[in-house]
């Protein structure tokens, strides 16, 4: 019985940890479909344990609240951003605009600096 209680306790803790990022208007990181990457967006609606995330690239999707993570990008955060060729490359955040959408990154492989927006970037990890 103890392992079951521990597992249930950990599940409750995980759910509580995501509770801060599930209200309408909150900036979050969330998966898109089954992609293992997390993409930035804003919670647009909530119904029970499901929220609709309006992703910064203009798409939206309904996700379970446990799949969300607080949007925590700042200077030094490792991300991947989409270059002009359409592919994603490893980069590091150099600057976040006060609007939370404008971003400047430096690509890890060649040092090129690019001004872009969060709708063209993603971060590692599942919820």
Protein backbone atom coordinates (compact mmCIF):
# COMPACT_ATOMS: atom_id res chain seq x y z
CA UNK A 1 0.00 0.00 0.00
CA UNK A 2 2.81 2.46 0.74
CA UNK A 3 4.08 2.62 -2.88
CA UNK A 4 0.55 3.45 -4.01
CA UNK A 5 0.28 6.26 -1.45
CA UNK A 6 3.67 7.62 -2.53
CA UNK A 7 2.68 7.49 -6.20
CA UNK A 8 -0.60 9.27 -5.49
CA UNK A 9 1.22 11.88 -3.42
CA UNK A 10 3.71 12.52 -6.22
CA UNK A 11 0.88 12.83 -8.75
CA UNK A 12 -0.87 15.38 -6.53
CA UNK A 13 2.39 17.30 -6.12
CA UNK A 14 2.94 17.37 -9.89
CA UNK A 15 -0.58 18.66 -10.41
CA UNK A 16 -0.11 21.34 -7.77
CA UNK A 17 3.18 22.42 -9.36
CA UNK A 18 1.41 23.18 -12.62
CA UNK A 19 -1.43 24.99 -10.88
CA UNK A 20 0.33 28.34 -11.14
CA UNK A 21 0.29 28.14 -14.95
CA UNK A 22 -3.29 27.37 -15.81
CA UNK A 23 -5.32 30.55 -15.50
CA UNK A 24 -6.60 32.53 -18.47
CA UNK A 25 -3.96 35.05 -19.52
CA UNK A 26 -0.97 33.13 -18.10
CA UNK A 27 2.10 32.72 -20.32
CA UNK A 28 2.98 29.04 -20.50
CA UNK A 29 5.11 26.46 -22.28
CA UNK A 30 3.12 23.55 -23.67
CA UNK A 31 3.57 20.63 -26.06
CA UNK A 32 2.05 20.67 -29.53
CA UNK A 33 0.47 17.34 -30.46
CA UNK A 34 2.98 14.62 -29.50
CA UNK A 35 6.05 16.79 -30.04
CA UNK A 36 8.54 16.41 -27.14
CA UNK A 37 9.36 20.14 -27.37
CA UNK A 38 7.49 22.84 -25.45
CA UNK A 39 6.22 25.95 -27.23
CA UNK A 40 5.31 29.35 -25.73
CA UNK A 41 1.74 30.57 -25.61
CA UNK A 42 -0.98 32.14 -23.50
CA UNK A 43 -3.86 30.35 -21.80
CA UNK A 44 -6.96 31.51 -23.68
CA UNK A 45 -9.65 29.43 -21.97
CA UNK A 46 -10.07 26.88 -19.22
CA UNK A 47 -12.63 24.15 -18.65
CA UNK A 48 -11.91 22.01 -15.60
CA UNK A 49 -8.51 20.38 -16.03
CA UNK A 50 -8.20 21.40 -19.69
CA UNK A 51 -6.94 24.68 -21.07
CA UNK A 52 -6.77 26.10 -24.55
CA UNK A 53 -3.30 27.43 -25.27
CA UNK A 54 -3.00 30.16 -27.90
CA UNK A 55 0.54 29.53 -29.10
CA UNK A 56 2.73 32.46 -30.06
CA UNK A 57 2.92 31.17 -33.65
CA UNK A 58 -0.84 31.77 -34.06
CA UNK A 59 -2.07 28.20 -33.58
CA UNK A 60 -4.05 26.89 -30.61
CA UNK A 61 -4.65 23.57 -28.94
CA UNK A 62 -6.41 22.22 -25.84
CA UNK A 63 -4.10 20.52 -23.33
CA UNK A 64 -4.38 18.99 -19.85
CA UNK A 65 -3.12 21.36 -17.14
CA UNK A 66 -0.43 18.90 -16.05
CA UNK A 67 1.21 19.32 -19.47
CA UNK A 68 1.82 23.04 -18.93
CA UNK A 69 4.91 24.69 -17.53
CA UNK A 70 5.39 28.31 -16.53
CA UNK A 71 6.96 30.44 -19.27
CA UNK A 72 10.41 30.99 -17.76
CA UNK A 73 12.65 32.16 -20.60
CA UNK A 74 15.21 34.85 -19.76
CA UNK A 75 18.74 35.79 -20.66
CA UNK A 76 20.83 32.61 -20.82
CA UNK A 77 17.95 30.18 -21.41
CA UNK A 78 18.80 27.47 -23.97
CA UNK A 79 16.18 27.26 -26.73
CA UNK A 80 15.84 26.20 -30.33
CA UNK A 81 14.76 28.80 -32.87
CA UNK A 82 13.73 28.58 -36.47
CA UNK A 83 16.24 30.00 -38.93
CA UNK A 84 15.32 31.40 -42.35
CA UNK A 85 15.71 27.91 -43.87
CA UNK A 86 12.78 26.67 -41.75
CA UNK A 87 14.88 24.38 -39.55
CA UNK A 88 15.31 24.71 -35.78
CA UNK A 89 18.80 25.21 -34.35
CA UNK A 90 20.16 25.38 -30.80
CA UNK A 91 20.43 28.92 -29.49
CA UNK A 92 20.72 30.90 -26.28
CA UNK A 93 18.46 33.79 -25.29
CA UNK A 94 20.40 37.08 -25.17
CA UNK A 95 17.46 39.43 -24.61
CA UNK A 96 13.72 39.24 -23.95
CA UNK A 97 11.63 42.26 -24.90
CA UNK A 98 9.39 43.85 -22.29
CA UNK A 99 6.39 42.54 -24.25
CA UNK A 100 7.56 38.95 -23.59
CA UNK A 101 7.33 38.21 -27.32
CA UNK A 102 10.36 39.88 -28.91
CA UNK A 103 13.52 37.87 -28.43
CA UNK A 104 17.19 38.07 -29.42
CA UNK A 105 19.15 34.82 -29.61
CA UNK A 106 22.67 33.69 -30.45
CA UNK A 107 22.91 30.43 -32.37
CA UNK A 108 25.26 27.97 -30.70
CA UNK A 109 26.87 26.49 -33.82
CA UNK A 110 27.98 29.69 -35.58
CA UNK A 111 27.45 32.57 -33.12
CA UNK A 112 25.02 34.40 -35.39
CA UNK A 113 22.69 36.76 -33.50
CA UNK A 114 19.07 36.97 -34.63
CA UNK A 115 16.15 39.15 -33.58
CA UNK A 116 12.97 37.08 -33.76
CA UNK A 117 9.92 36.34 -31.64
CA UNK A 118 8.91 33.55 -29.32
CA UNK A 119 6.57 32.12 -31.96
CA UNK A 120 9.66 30.89 -33.81
CA UNK A 121 11.29 29.22 -30.80
CA UNK A 122 10.81 26.22 -28.53
CA UNK A 123 12.43 24.63 -25.50
CA UNK A 124 13.37 21.11 -24.46
CA UNK A 125 11.42 18.90 -22.20
CA UNK A 126 8.09 17.48 -21.54
CA UNK A 127 5.97 18.76 -18.73
